[in-house]
């Protein structure tokens, strides 16, 4: 289950353009874990 997400792109994507997202776990607590990542 996902509690929330925010993704900001530095430049526009064309409709249906493919992209890769690389994520990692930054930290966690008793209830959630927090992800950080980059889009390449």
N, C-alpha and C. Protein backbone atom coordinates (compact mmCIF):
# COMPACT_ATOMS: atom_id res chain seq x y z
N UNK A 1 0.84 -1.17 0.00
CA UNK A 1 0.00 0.00 0.00
C UNK A 1 0.89 1.24 0.00
N UNK A 2 0.53 2.21 -0.78
CA UNK A 2 1.28 3.45 -0.90
C UNK A 2 0.53 4.57 -0.18
N UNK A 3 1.24 5.28 0.70
CA UNK A 3 0.60 6.37 1.45
C UNK A 3 0.62 7.68 0.66
N UNK A 4 1.63 7.89 -0.16
CA UNK A 4 1.70 9.12 -0.93
C UNK A 4 2.91 9.10 -1.84
N UNK A 5 2.88 9.92 -2.88
CA UNK A 5 4.00 9.99 -3.82
C UNK A 5 4.05 11.37 -4.44
N UNK A 6 5.25 11.80 -4.77
CA UNK A 6 5.45 13.05 -5.50
C UNK A 6 6.59 12.82 -6.48
N UNK A 7 6.33 13.11 -7.75
CA UNK A 7 7.35 12.98 -8.79
C UNK A 7 7.40 14.29 -9.55
N UNK A 8 8.59 14.87 -9.64
CA UNK A 8 8.79 16.12 -10.38
C UNK A 8 9.74 15.85 -11.54
N UNK A 9 9.32 16.17 -12.75
CA UNK A 9 10.15 15.99 -13.92
C UNK A 9 10.81 17.31 -14.30
N UNK A 10 12.09 17.28 -14.64
CA UNK A 10 12.83 18.48 -15.01
C UNK A 10 12.49 18.93 -16.43
N UNK A 11 12.07 18.01 -17.28
CA UNK A 11 11.64 18.37 -18.63
C UNK A 11 10.43 17.53 -19.01
N UNK A 12 9.74 17.96 -20.02
CA UNK A 12 8.49 17.31 -20.42
C UNK A 12 8.75 15.93 -21.03
N UNK A 13 7.76 15.06 -20.88
CA UNK A 13 7.76 13.77 -21.55
C UNK A 13 6.72 13.79 -22.66
N UNK A 14 7.05 13.13 -23.75
CA UNK A 14 6.08 12.99 -24.83
C UNK A 14 5.03 11.97 -24.40
N UNK A 15 3.82 12.04 -24.97
CA UNK A 15 2.81 11.02 -24.63
C UNK A 15 3.34 9.62 -24.93
N UNK A 16 3.19 8.73 -23.96
CA UNK A 16 3.61 7.32 -24.04
C UNK A 16 5.12 7.14 -24.13
N UNK A 17 5.90 8.19 -23.85
CA UNK A 17 7.36 8.06 -23.86
C UNK A 17 7.80 7.19 -22.68
N UNK A 18 8.69 6.26 -22.94
CA UNK A 18 9.21 5.40 -21.87
C UNK A 18 10.26 6.14 -21.06
N UNK A 19 10.35 5.79 -19.77
CA UNK A 19 11.39 6.33 -18.91
C UNK A 19 11.68 5.31 -17.83
N UNK A 20 12.83 5.42 -17.20
CA UNK A 20 13.24 4.53 -16.11
C UNK A 20 13.26 5.31 -14.82
N UNK A 21 12.86 4.64 -13.75
CA UNK A 21 12.86 5.23 -12.41
C UNK A 21 13.69 4.32 -11.52
N UNK A 22 14.73 4.87 -10.90
CA UNK A 22 15.59 4.12 -9.99
C UNK A 22 15.29 4.61 -8.58
N UNK A 23 14.89 3.70 -7.70
CA UNK A 23 14.54 4.10 -6.33
C UNK A 23 15.35 3.29 -5.32
N UNK A 24 15.44 3.83 -4.13
CA UNK A 24 16.08 3.12 -3.02
C UNK A 24 15.39 3.53 -1.72
N UNK A 25 15.49 2.68 -0.73
CA UNK A 25 14.95 3.00 0.59
C UNK A 25 15.92 3.95 1.28
N UNK A 26 15.44 5.12 1.68
CA UNK A 26 16.28 6.12 2.33
C UNK A 26 16.29 5.88 3.84
N UNK A 27 15.10 5.66 4.42
CA UNK A 27 14.99 5.39 5.86
C UNK A 27 13.63 4.75 6.12
N UNK A 28 13.37 4.39 7.36
CA UNK A 28 12.09 3.81 7.72
C UNK A 28 11.82 4.06 9.20
N UNK A 29 10.56 3.90 9.57
CA UNK A 29 10.17 3.99 10.97
C UNK A 29 9.20 2.84 11.25
N UNK A 30 8.48 2.92 12.35
CA UNK A 30 7.60 1.82 12.75
C UNK A 30 6.44 1.61 11.77
N UNK A 31 6.07 2.64 11.03
CA UNK A 31 4.87 2.57 10.20
C UNK A 31 5.15 2.63 8.70
N UNK A 32 6.17 3.37 8.29
CA UNK A 32 6.41 3.63 6.87
C UNK A 32 7.87 3.41 6.52
N UNK A 33 8.12 3.24 5.21
CA UNK A 33 9.48 3.39 4.73
C UNK A 33 9.46 4.48 3.67
N UNK A 34 10.61 5.16 3.50
CA UNK A 34 10.69 6.34 2.68
C UNK A 34 11.67 6.09 1.54
N UNK A 35 11.20 6.37 0.32
CA UNK A 35 11.98 6.11 -0.87
C UNK A 35 12.53 7.41 -1.45
N UNK A 36 13.69 7.31 -2.04
CA UNK A 36 14.26 8.41 -2.82
C UNK A 36 14.69 7.83 -4.15
N UNK A 37 14.78 8.67 -5.16
CA UNK A 37 15.19 8.13 -6.44
C UNK A 37 15.36 9.18 -7.51
N UNK A 38 15.74 8.70 -8.69
CA UNK A 38 15.93 9.55 -9.85
C UNK A 38 15.26 8.92 -11.04
N UNK A 39 14.86 9.76 -11.97
CA UNK A 39 14.32 9.30 -13.24
C UNK A 39 15.38 9.51 -14.30
N UNK A 40 15.68 8.45 -15.05
CA UNK A 40 16.71 8.55 -16.08
C UNK A 40 16.15 8.22 -17.44
